[in-house]
Amino acid sequence: MTKADIVERVSEKVGTTRKDAQDLVEVVFDLLKDALESGEDVKISGFGKFEVRQKNDRRGRNPQTGEVITIAARKVLAFKPSAVLRDGVNAELAETNSI
């Protein structure tokens, strides 16, 4: 699913123009992006939690040369789905396995 698909579905569900739906989707994504860039966690009930995690320096190895290198500390984005979302995603699998 692309951003354009999301805009289209929002437009249909809300009954608004594509332009208004696009503006709404852009505002929501901008709010999420700004919150994550500032280090805030984003929790969406029934969907999940986005969080920024700090990774420390670590040793790694260049696969071509075998040389030991230090991989710099960095921040990574992590997503943990809610139980509701996880159960919804696995519902079809559960129905298939019960046959």
PDB file of N, CA and C in Angstrom:
ATOM      1  N   MET A   1       0.850  -1.172   0.000  1.00  0.00           N
ATOM      2  CA  MET A   1       0.000   0.000   0.000  1.00  0.00           C
ATOM      3  C   MET A   1       0.897   1.236   0.000  1.00  0.00           C
ATOM      4  N   THR A   2       0.559   2.182  -0.847  1.00  0.00           N
ATOM      5  CA  THR A   2       1.328   3.407  -0.959  1.00  0.00           C
ATOM      6  C   THR A   2       0.576   4.562  -0.302  1.00  0.00           C
ATOM      7  N   LYS A   3       1.263   5.693  -0.207  1.00  0.00           N
ATOM      8  CA  LYS A   3       0.609   6.883   0.348  1.00  0.00           C
ATOM      9  C   LYS A   3      -0.597   7.265  -0.505  1.00  0.00           C
ATOM     10  N   ALA A   4      -0.486   7.126  -1.819  1.00  0.00           N
ATOM     11  CA  ALA A   4      -1.601   7.433  -2.717  1.00  0.00           C
ATOM     12  C   ALA A   4      -2.800   6.528  -2.435  1.00  0.00           C
ATOM     13  N   ASP A   5      -2.538   5.249  -2.129  1.00  0.00           N
ATOM     14  CA  ASP A   5      -3.614   4.322  -1.776  1.00  0.00           C
ATOM     15  C   ASP A   5      -4.293   4.752  -0.485  1.00  0.00           C
ATOM     16  N   ILE A   6      -3.491   5.186   0.477  1.00  0.00           N
ATOM     17  CA  ILE A   6      -4.044   5.650   1.749  1.00  0.00           C
ATOM     18  C   ILE A   6      -4.922   6.876   1.527  1.00  0.00           C
ATOM     19  N   VAL A   7      -4.427   7.817   0.728  1.00  0.00           N
ATOM     20  CA  VAL A   7      -5.207   9.024   0.421  1.00  0.00           C
ATOM     21  C   VAL A   7      -6.533   8.642  -0.224  1.00  0.00           C
ATOM     22  N   GLU A   8      -6.488   7.736  -1.181  1.00  0.00           N
ATOM     23  CA  GLU A   8      -7.706   7.297  -1.874  1.00  0.00           C
ATOM     24  C   GLU A   8      -8.708   6.683  -0.894  1.00  0.00           C
ATOM     25  N   ARG A   9      -8.233   5.819  -0.017  1.00  0.00           N
ATOM     26  CA  ARG A   9      -9.136   5.158   0.941  1.00  0.00           C
ATOM     27  C   ARG A   9      -9.693   6.137   1.963  1.00  0.00           C
ATOM     28  N   VAL A  10      -8.868   7.067   2.414  1.00  0.00           N
ATOM     29  CA  VAL A  10      -9.359   8.093   3.348  1.00  0.00           C
ATOM     30  C   VAL A  10     -10.427   8.931   2.665  1.00  0.00           C
ATOM     31  N   SER A  11     -10.191   9.311   1.432  1.00  0.00           N
ATOM     32  CA  SER A  11     -11.152  10.104   0.671  1.00  0.00           C
ATOM     33  C   SER A  11     -12.491   9.380   0.562  1.00  0.00           C
ATOM     34  N   GLU A  12     -12.449   8.090   0.268  1.00  0.00           N
ATOM     35  CA  GLU A  12     -13.678   7.300   0.144  1.00  0.00           C
ATOM     36  C   GLU A  12     -14.395   7.149   1.479  1.00  0.00           C
ATOM     37  N   LYS A  13     -13.650   6.832   2.539  1.00  0.00           N
ATOM     38  CA  LYS A  13     -14.258   6.586   3.857  1.00  0.00           C
ATOM     39  C   LYS A  13     -14.856   7.848   4.462  1.00  0.00           C
ATOM     40  N   VAL A  14     -14.134   8.973   4.327  1.00  0.00           N
ATOM     41  CA  VAL A  14     -14.577  10.222   4.942  1.00  0.00           C
ATOM     42  C   VAL A  14     -15.579  10.942   4.042  1.00  0.00           C
ATOM     43  N   GLY A  15     -15.532  10.656   2.758  1.00  0.00           N
ATOM     44  CA  GLY A  15     -16.432  11.319   1.823  1.00  0.00           C
ATOM     45  C   GLY A  15     -15.982  12.736   1.518  1.00  0.00           C
ATOM     46  N   THR A  16     -14.687  12.890   1.346  1.00  0.00           N
ATOM     47  CA  THR A  16     -14.116  14.205   1.065  1.00  0.00           C
ATOM     48  C   THR A  16     -13.356  14.153  -0.252  1.00  0.00           C
ATOM     49  N   THR A  17     -12.863  15.289  -0.689  1.00  0.00           N
ATOM     50  CA  THR A  17     -12.099  15.319  -1.935  1.00  0.00           C
ATOM     51  C   THR A  17     -10.731  14.685  -1.719  1.00  0.00           C
ATOM     52  N   ARG A  18     -10.121  14.282  -2.807  1.00  0.00           N
ATOM     53  CA  ARG A  18      -8.779  13.699  -2.716  1.00  0.00           C
ATOM     54  C   ARG A  18      -7.781  14.710  -2.172  1.00  0.00           C
ATOM     55  N   LYS A  19      -7.933  15.962  -2.555  1.00  0.00           N
ATOM     56  CA  LYS A  19      -7.025  17.016  -2.098  1.00  0.00           C
ATOM     57  C   LYS A  19      -7.114  17.173  -0.585  1.00  0.00           C
ATOM     58  N   ASP A  20      -8.339  17.210  -0.041  1.00  0.00           N
ATOM     59  CA  ASP A  20      -8.509  17.332   1.413  1.00  0.00           C
ATOM     60  C   ASP A  20      -7.950  16.100   2.124  1.00  0.00           C
ATOM     61  N   ALA A  21      -8.193  14.925   1.552  1.00  0.00           N
ATOM     62  CA  ALA A  21      -7.672  13.688   2.135  1.00  0.00           C
ATOM     63  C   ALA A  21      -6.153  13.685   2.102  1.00  0.00           C
ATOM     64  N   GLN A  22      -5.571  14.158   1.001  1.00  0.00           N
ATOM     65  CA  GLN A  22      -4.120  14.210   0.890  1.00  0.00           C
ATOM     66  C   GLN A  22      -3.535  15.152   1.937  1.00  0.00           C
ATOM     67  N   ASP A  23      -4.169  16.311   2.115  1.00  0.00           N
ATOM     68  CA  ASP A  23      -3.706  17.263   3.135  1.00  0.00           C
ATOM     69  C   ASP A  23      -3.767  16.634   4.523  1.00  0.00           C
ATOM     70  N   LEU A  24      -4.832  15.919   4.803  1.00  0.00           N
ATOM     71  CA  LEU A  24      -4.996  15.265   6.104  1.00  0.00           C
ATOM     72  C   LEU A  24      -3.922  14.202   6.332  1.00  0.00           C
ATOM     73  N   VAL A  25      -3.696  13.369   5.345  1.00  0.00           N
ATOM     74  CA  VAL A  25      -2.686  12.310   5.452  1.00  0.00           C
ATOM     75  C   VAL A  25      -1.299  12.928   5.628  1.00  0.00           C
ATOM     76  N   GLU A  26      -0.997  13.968   4.887  1.00  0.00           N
ATOM     77  CA  GLU A  26       0.304  14.637   5.011  1.00  0.00           C
ATOM     78  C   GLU A  26       0.503  15.205   6.410  1.00  0.00           C
ATOM     79  N   VAL A  27      -0.538  15.821   6.973  1.00  0.00           N
ATOM     80  CA  VAL A  27      -0.440  16.391   8.319  1.00  0.00           C
ATOM     81  C   VAL A  27      -0.180  15.287   9.343  1.00  0.00           C
ATOM     82  N   VAL A  28      -0.895  14.182   9.232  1.00  0.00           N
ATOM     83  CA  VAL A  28      -0.707  13.074  10.180  1.00  0.00           C
ATOM     84  C   VAL A  28       0.709  12.522  10.073  1.00  0.00           C
ATOM     85  N   PHE A  29       1.196  12.293   8.849  1.00  0.00           N
ATOM     86  CA  PHE A  29       2.549  11.776   8.689  1.00  0.00           C
ATOM     87  C   PHE A  29       3.597  12.762   9.196  1.00  0.00           C
ATOM     88  N   ASP A  30       3.374  14.047   8.962  1.00  0.00           N
ATOM     89  CA  ASP A  30       4.307  15.060   9.460  1.00  0.00           C
ATOM     90  C   ASP A  30       4.358  15.070  10.981  1.00  0.00           C
ATOM     91  N   LEU A  31       3.199  14.935  11.620  1.00  0.00           N
ATOM     92  CA  LEU A  31       3.152  14.891  13.089  1.00  0.00           C
ATOM     93  C   LEU A  31       3.908  13.676  13.619  1.00  0.00           C
ATOM     94  N   LEU A  32       3.690  12.521  12.994  1.00  0.00           N
ATOM     95  CA  LEU A  32       4.396  11.302  13.411  1.00  0.00           C
ATOM     96  C   LEU A  32       5.901  11.463  13.222  1.00  0.00           C
ATOM     97  N   LYS A  33       6.294  11.977  12.061  1.00  0.00           N
ATOM     98  CA  LYS A  33       7.716  12.160  11.754  1.00  0.00           C
ATOM     99  C   LYS A  33       8.370  13.125  12.735  1.00  0.00           C
ATOM    100  N   ASP A  34       7.719  14.252  13.008  1.00  0.00           N
ATOM    101  CA  ASP A  34       8.270  15.240  13.932  1.00  0.00           C
ATOM    102  C   ASP A  34       8.432  14.663  15.337  1.00  0.00           C
ATOM    103  N   ALA A  35       7.441  13.904  15.786  1.00  0.00           N
ATOM    104  CA  ALA A  35       7.508  13.306  17.122  1.00  0.00           C
ATOM    105  C   ALA A  35       8.669  12.319  17.204  1.00  0.00           C
ATOM    106  N   LEU A  36       8.821  11.470  16.203  1.00  0.00           N
ATOM    107  CA  LEU A  36       9.890  10.478  16.209  1.00  0.00           C
ATOM    108  C   LEU A  36      11.263  11.131  16.090  1.00  0.00           C
ATOM    109  N   GLU A  37      11.374  12.162  15.267  1.00  0.00           N
ATOM    110  CA  GLU A  37      12.660  12.850  15.121  1.00  0.00           C
ATOM    111  C   GLU A  37      13.086  13.536  16.412  1.00  0.00           C
ATOM    112  N   SER A  38      12.113  13.945  17.233  1.00  0.00           N
ATOM    113  CA  SER A  38      12.454  14.588  18.503  1.00  0.00           C
ATOM    114  C   SER A  38      12.655  13.564  19.622  1.00  0.00           C
ATOM    115  N   GLY A  39      12.550  12.275  19.297  1.00  0.00           N
ATOM    116  CA  GLY A  39      12.817  11.225  20.275  1.00  0.00           C
ATOM    117  C   GLY A  39      11.599  10.747  21.039  1.00  0.00           C
ATOM    118  N   GLU A  40      10.424  11.247  20.705  1.00  0.00           N
ATOM    119  CA  GLU A  40       9.203  10.815  21.385  1.00  0.00           C
ATOM    120  C   GLU A  40       8.749   9.464  20.851  1.00  0.00           C
ATOM    121  N   ASP A  41       8.104   8.686  21.721  1.00  0.00           N
ATOM    122  CA  ASP A  41       7.437   7.468  21.289  1.00  0.00           C
ATOM    123  C   ASP A  41       6.065   7.847  20.749  1.00  0.00           C
ATOM    124  N   VAL A  42       5.575   7.090  19.778  1.00  0.00           N
ATOM    125  CA  VAL A  42       4.247   7.316  19.219  1.00  0.00           C
ATOM    126  C   VAL A  42       3.435   6.047  19.450  1.00  0.00           C
ATOM    127  N   LYS A  43       2.393   6.162  20.281  1.00  0.00           N
ATOM    128  CA  LYS A  43       1.532   5.023  20.589  1.00  0.00           C
ATOM    129  C   LYS A  43       0.174   5.266  19.956  1.00  0.00           C
ATOM    130  N   ILE A  44      -0.271   4.309  19.153  1.00  0.00           N
ATOM    131  CA  ILE A  44      -1.573   4.391  18.504  1.00  0.00           C
ATOM    132  C   ILE A  44      -2.379   3.186  18.986  1.00  0.00           C
ATOM    133  N   SER A  45      -3.397   3.470  19.787  1.00  0.00           N
ATOM    134  CA  SER A  45      -4.211   2.420  20.379  1.00  0.00           C
ATOM    135  C   SER A  45      -4.792   1.510  19.301  1.00  0.00           C
ATOM    136  N   GLY A  46      -4.675   0.211  19.495  1.00  0.00           N
ATOM    137  CA  GLY A  46      -5.186  -0.760  18.547  1.00  0.00           C
ATOM    138  C   GLY A  46      -4.288  -0.978  17.344  1.00  0.00           C
ATOM    139  N   PHE A  47      -3.183  -0.234  17.255  1.00  0.00           N
ATOM    140  CA  PHE A  47      -2.272  -0.374  16.125  1.00  0.00           C
ATOM    141  C   PHE A  47      -0.882  -0.779  16.591  1.00  0.00           C
ATOM    142  N   GLY A  48      -0.261   0.058  17.438  1.00  0.00           N
ATOM    143  CA  GLY A  48       1.066  -0.294  17.930  1.00  0.00           C
ATOM    144  C   GLY A  48       1.834   0.908  18.415  1.00  0.00           C
ATOM    145  N   LYS A  49       3.119   0.685  18.667  1.00  0.00           N
ATOM    146  CA  LYS A  49       3.984   1.719  19.223  1.00  0.00           C
ATOM    147  C   LYS A  49       5.249   1.838  18.377  1.00  0.00           C
ATOM    148  N   PHE A  50       5.537   3.070  17.953  1.00  0.00           N
ATOM    149  CA  PHE A  50       6.788   3.389  17.292  1.00  0.00           C
ATOM    150  C   PHE A  50       7.701   4.001  18.332  1.00  0.00           C
ATOM    151  N   GLU A  51       8.941   3.565  18.370  1.00  0.00           N
ATOM    152  CA  GLU A  51       9.878   4.170  19.308  1.00  0.00           C
ATOM    153  C   GLU A  51      11.261   4.263  18.683  1.00  0.00           C
ATOM    154  N   VAL A  52      12.004   5.269  19.140  1.00  0.00           N
ATOM    155  CA  VAL A  52      13.373   5.468  18.695  1.00  0.00           C
ATOM    156  C   VAL A  52      14.277   4.851  19.749  1.00  0.00           C
ATOM    157  N   ARG A  53      15.121   3.931  19.327  1.00  0.00           N
ATOM    158  CA  ARG A  53      16.035   3.258  20.246  1.00  0.00           C
ATOM    159  C   ARG A  53      17.466   3.666  19.924  1.00  0.00           C
ATOM    160  N   GLN A  54      18.282   3.764  20.962  1.00  0.00           N
ATOM    161  CA  GLN A  54      19.696   4.101  20.805  1.00  0.00           C
ATOM    162  C   GLN A  54      20.501   2.817  20.735  1.00  0.00           C
ATOM    163  N   LYS A  55      21.310   2.676  19.707  1.00  0.00           N
ATOM    164  CA  LYS A  55      22.222   1.539  19.598  1.00  0.00           C
ATOM    165  C   LYS A  55      23.623   2.048  19.879  1.00  0.00           C
ATOM    166  N   ASN A  56      24.360   1.337  20.697  1.00  0.00           N
ATOM    167  CA  ASN A  56      25.724   1.707  21.057  1.00  0.00           C
ATOM    168  C   ASN A  56      26.716   1.300  19.969  1.00  0.00           C
ATOM    169  N   ASP A  57      27.936   1.825  20.090  1.00  0.00           N
ATOM    170  CA  ASP A  57      29.015   1.376  19.210  1.00  0.00           C
ATOM    171  C   ASP A  57      29.156  -0.135  19.347  1.00  0.00           C
ATOM    172  N   ARG A  58      29.542  -0.780  18.253  1.00  0.00           N
ATOM    173  CA  ARG A  58      29.805  -2.213  18.334  1.00  0.00           C
ATOM    174  C   ARG A  58      30.863  -2.595  17.323  1.00  0.00           C
ATOM    175  N   ARG A  59      31.478  -3.726  17.592  1.00  0.00           N
ATOM    176  CA  ARG A  59      32.501  -4.222  16.674  1.00  0.00           C
ATOM    177  C   ARG A  59      31.826  -4.971  15.539  1.00  0.00           C
ATOM    178  N   GLY A  60      32.360  -4.793  14.357  1.00  0.00           N
ATOM    179  CA  GLY A  60      31.870  -5.503  13.193  1.00  0.00           C
ATOM    180  C   GLY A  60      33.049  -5.941  12.353  1.00  0.00           C
ATOM    181  N   ARG A  61      32.755  -6.550  11.227  1.00  0.00           N
ATOM    182  CA  ARG A  61      33.823  -7.040  10.367  1.00  0.00           C
ATOM    183  C   ARG A  61      33.455  -6.725   8.928  1.00  0.00           C
ATOM    184  N   ASN A  62      34.425  -6.182   8.188  1.00  0.00           N
ATOM    185  CA  ASN A  62      34.234  -5.935   6.771  1.00  0.00           C
ATOM    186  C   ASN A  62      34.218  -7.295   6.084  1.00  0.00           C
ATOM    187  N   PRO A  63      33.100  -7.672   5.451  1.00  0.00           N
ATOM    188  CA  PRO A  63      33.008  -9.013   4.865  1.00  0.00           C
ATOM    189  C   PRO A  63      33.965  -9.240   3.694  1.00  0.00           C
ATOM    190  N   GLN A  64      34.400  -8.187   3.032  1.00  0.00           N
ATOM    191  CA  GLN A  64      35.306  -8.358   1.887  1.00  0.00           C
ATOM    192  C   GLN A  64      36.745  -8.560   2.324  1.00  0.00           C
ATOM    193  N   THR A  65      37.149  -7.808   3.365  1.00  0.00           N
ATOM    194  CA  THR A  65      38.557  -7.870   3.780  1.00  0.00           C
ATOM    195  C   THR A  65      38.771  -8.620   5.085  1.00  0.00           C
ATOM    196  N   GLY A  66      37.723  -8.798   5.868  1.00  0.00           N
ATOM    197  CA  GLY A  66      37.861  -9.437   7.168  1.00  0.00           C
ATOM    198  C   GLY A  66      38.357  -8.481   8.244  1.00  0.00           C
ATOM    199  N   GLU A  67      38.593  -7.224   7.868  1.00  0.00           N
ATOM    200  CA  GLU A  67      39.097  -6.222   8.799  1.00  0.00           C
ATOM    201  C   GLU A  67      38.043  -5.917   9.872  1.00  0.00           C
ATOM    202  N   VAL A  68      38.496  -5.839  11.137  1.00  0.00           N
ATOM    203  CA  VAL A  68      37.608  -5.492  12.244  1.00  0.00           C
ATOM    204  C   VAL A  68      37.394  -3.980  12.227  1.00  0.00           C
ATOM    205  N   ILE A  69      36.121  -3.582  12.292  1.00  0.00           N
ATOM    206  CA  ILE A  69      35.782  -2.157  12.280  1.00  0.00           C
ATOM    207  C   ILE A  69      34.838  -1.865  13.435  1.00  0.00           C
ATOM    208  N   THR A  70      34.700  -0.594  13.755  1.00  0.00           N
ATOM    209  CA  THR A  70      33.732  -0.165  14.765  1.00  0.00           C
ATOM    210  C   THR A  70      32.531   0.434  14.044  1.00  0.00           C
ATOM    211  N   ILE A  71      31.379  -0.109  14.341  1.00  0.00           N
ATOM    212  CA  ILE A  71      30.137   0.427  13.785  1.00  0.00           C
ATOM    213  C   ILE A  71      29.651   1.494  14.746  1.00  0.00           C
ATOM    214  N   ALA A  72      29.474   2.706  14.241  1.00  0.00           N
ATOM    215  CA  ALA A  72      29.149   3.859  15.085  1.00  0.00           C
ATOM    216  C   ALA A  72      27.779   3.722  15.748  1.00  0.00           C
ATOM    217  N   ALA A  73      27.640   4.382  16.895  1.00  0.00           N
ATOM    218  CA  ALA A  73      26.352   4.435  17.588  1.00  0.00           C
ATOM    219  C   ALA A  73      25.351   5.142  16.689  1.00  0.00           C
ATOM    220  N   ARG A  74      24.111   4.743  16.803  1.00  0.00           N
ATOM    221  CA  ARG A  74      23.071   5.363  15.985  1.00  0.00           C
ATOM    222  C   ARG A  74      21.713   5.127  16.627  1.00  0.00           C
ATOM    223  N   LYS A  75      20.745   5.834  16.117  1.00  0.00           N
ATOM    224  CA  LYS A  75      19.371   5.646  16.558  1.00  0.00           C
ATOM    225  C   LYS A  75      18.650   4.835  15.497  1.00  0.00           C
ATOM    226  N   VAL A  76      17.771   3.942  15.946  1.00  0.00           N
ATOM    227  CA  VAL A  76      16.983   3.128  15.022  1.00  0.00           C
ATOM    228  C   VAL A  76      15.511   3.247  15.395  1.00  0.00           C
ATOM    229  N   LEU A  77      14.663   3.098  14.415  1.00  0.00           N
ATOM    230  CA  LEU A  77      13.235   3.148  14.629  1.00  0.00           C
ATOM    231  C   LEU A  77      12.717   1.730  14.795  1.00  0.00           C
ATOM    232  N   ALA A  78      11.942   1.510  15.855  1.00  0.00           N
ATOM    233  CA  ALA A  78      11.382   0.187  16.111  1.00  0.00           C
ATOM    234  C   ALA A  78       9.867   0.299  16.189  1.00  0.00           C
ATOM    235  N   PHE A  79       9.178  -0.758  15.771  1.00  0.00           N
ATOM    236  CA  PHE A  79       7.721  -0.802  15.835  1.00  0.00           C
ATOM    237  C   PHE A  79       7.308  -2.068  16.548  1.00  0.00           C
ATOM    238  N   LYS A  80       6.418  -1.922  17.518  1.00  0.00           N
ATOM    239  CA  LYS A  80       5.864  -3.076  18.216  1.00  0.00           C
ATOM    240  C   LYS A  80       4.356  -3.048  18.013  1.00  0.00           C
ATOM    241  N   PRO A  81       3.813  -4.032  17.300  1.00  0.00           N
ATOM    242  CA  PRO A  81       2.372  -4.031  17.049  1.00  0.00           C
ATOM    243  C   PRO A  81       1.585  -4.314  18.319  1.00  0.00           C
ATOM    244  N   SER A  82       0.363  -3.759  18.372  1.00  0.00           N
ATOM    245  CA  SER A  82      -0.508  -4.038  19.512  1.00  0.00           C
ATOM    246  C   SER A  82      -1.036  -5.464  19.394  1.00  0.00           C
ATOM    247  N   ALA A  83      -1.569  -5.973  20.484  1.00  0.00           N
ATOM    248  CA  ALA A  83      -2.136  -7.320  20.483  1.00  0.00           C
ATOM    249  C   ALA A  83      -3.305  -7.401  19.501  1.00  0.00           C
ATOM    250  N   VAL A  84      -4.078  -6.330  19.395  1.00  0.00           N
ATOM    251  CA  VAL A  84      -5.216  -6.298  18.475  1.00  0.00           C
ATOM    252  C   VAL A  84      -4.744  -6.457  17.033  1.00  0.00           C
ATOM    253  N   LEU A  85      -3.728  -5.706  16.637  1.00  0.00           N
ATOM    254  CA  LEU A  85      -3.188  -5.798  15.277  1.00  0.00           C
ATOM    255  C   LEU A  85      -2.559  -7.165  15.034  1.00  0.00           C
ATOM    256  N   ARG A  86      -1.779  -7.627  15.992  1.00  0.00           N
ATOM    257  CA  ARG A  86      -1.113  -8.929  15.853  1.00  0.00           C
ATOM    258  C   ARG A  86      -2.148 -10.046  15.687  1.00  0.00           C
ATOM    259  N   ASP A  87      -3.213 -10.008  16.497  1.00  0.00           N
ATOM    260  CA  ASP A  87      -4.262 -11.030  16.397  1.00  0.00           C
ATOM    261  C   ASP A  87      -4.997 -10.942  15.059  1.00  0.00           C
ATOM    262  N   GLY A  88      -5.217  -9.711  14.586  1.00  0.00           N
ATOM    263  CA  GLY A  88      -5.881  -9.536  13.296  1.00  0.00           C
ATOM    264  C   GLY A  88      -5.062 -10.071  12.153  1.00  0.00           C
ATOM    265  N   VAL A  89      -3.764  -9.846  12.187  1.00  0.00           N
ATOM    266  CA  VAL A  89      -2.871 -10.332  11.140  1.00  0.00           C
ATOM    267  C   VAL A  89      -2.815 -11.855  11.159  1.00  0.00           C
ATOM    268  N   ASN A  90      -2.854 -12.440  12.331  1.00  0.00           N
ATOM    269  CA  ASN A  90      -2.743 -13.891  12.452  1.00  0.00           C
ATOM    270  C   ASN A  90      -4.085 -14.609  12.425  1.00  0.00           C
ATOM    271  N   ALA A  91      -5.200 -13.892  12.321  1.00  0.00           N
ATOM    272  CA  ALA A  91      -6.524 -14.513  12.353  1.00  0.00           C
ATOM    273  C   ALA A  91      -6.712 -15.495  11.207  1.00  0.00           C
ATOM    274  N   GLU A  92      -6.304 -15.127  10.001  1.00  0.00           N
ATOM    275  CA  GLU A  92      -6.459 -16.011   8.845  1.00  0.00           C
ATOM    276  C   GLU A  92      -5.643 -17.282   9.014  1.00  0.00           C
ATOM    277  N   LEU A  93      -4.441 -17.135   9.554  1.00  0.00           N
ATOM    278  CA  LEU A  93      -3.578 -18.291   9.796  1.00  0.00           C
ATOM    279  C   LEU A  93      -4.212 -19.236  10.814  1.00  0.00           C
ATOM    280  N   ALA A  94      -4.794 -18.668  11.865  1.00  0.00           N
ATOM    281  CA  ALA A  94      -5.445 -19.478  12.898  1.00  0.00           C
ATOM    282  C   ALA A  94      -6.633 -20.247  12.316  1.00  0.00           C
ATOM    283  N   GLU A  95      -7.401 -19.602  11.429  1.00  0.00           N
ATOM    284  CA  GLU A  95      -8.541 -20.278  10.811  1.00  0.00           C
ATOM    285  C   GLU A  95      -8.072 -21.406   9.910  1.00  0.00           C
ATOM    286  N   THR A  96      -6.988 -21.200   9.175  1.00  0.00           N
ATOM    287  CA  THR A  96      -6.450 -22.232   8.283  1.00  0.00           C
ATOM    288  C   THR A  96      -5.943 -23.423   9.074  1.00  0.00           C
ATOM    289  N   ASN A  97      -5.294 -23.170  10.217  1.00  0.00           N
ATOM    290  CA  ASN A  97      -4.740 -24.259  11.028  1.00  0.00           C
ATOM    291  C   ASN A  97      -5.801 -25.035  11.774  1.00  0.00           C
ATOM    292  N   SER A  98      -6.996 -24.472  11.970  1.00  0.00           N
ATOM    293  CA  SER A  98      -8.021 -25.167  12.735  1.00  0.00           C
ATOM    294  C   SER A  98      -8.811 -26.127  11.877  1.00  0.00           C
ATOM    295  N   ILE A  99      -8.574 -26.118  10.560  1.00  0.00           N
ATOM    296  CA  ILE A  99      -9.317 -27.019   9.654  1.00  0.00           C
ATOM    297  C   ILE A  99      -8.733 -28.396   9.666  1.00  0.00           C
TER     298      ILE A  99
END
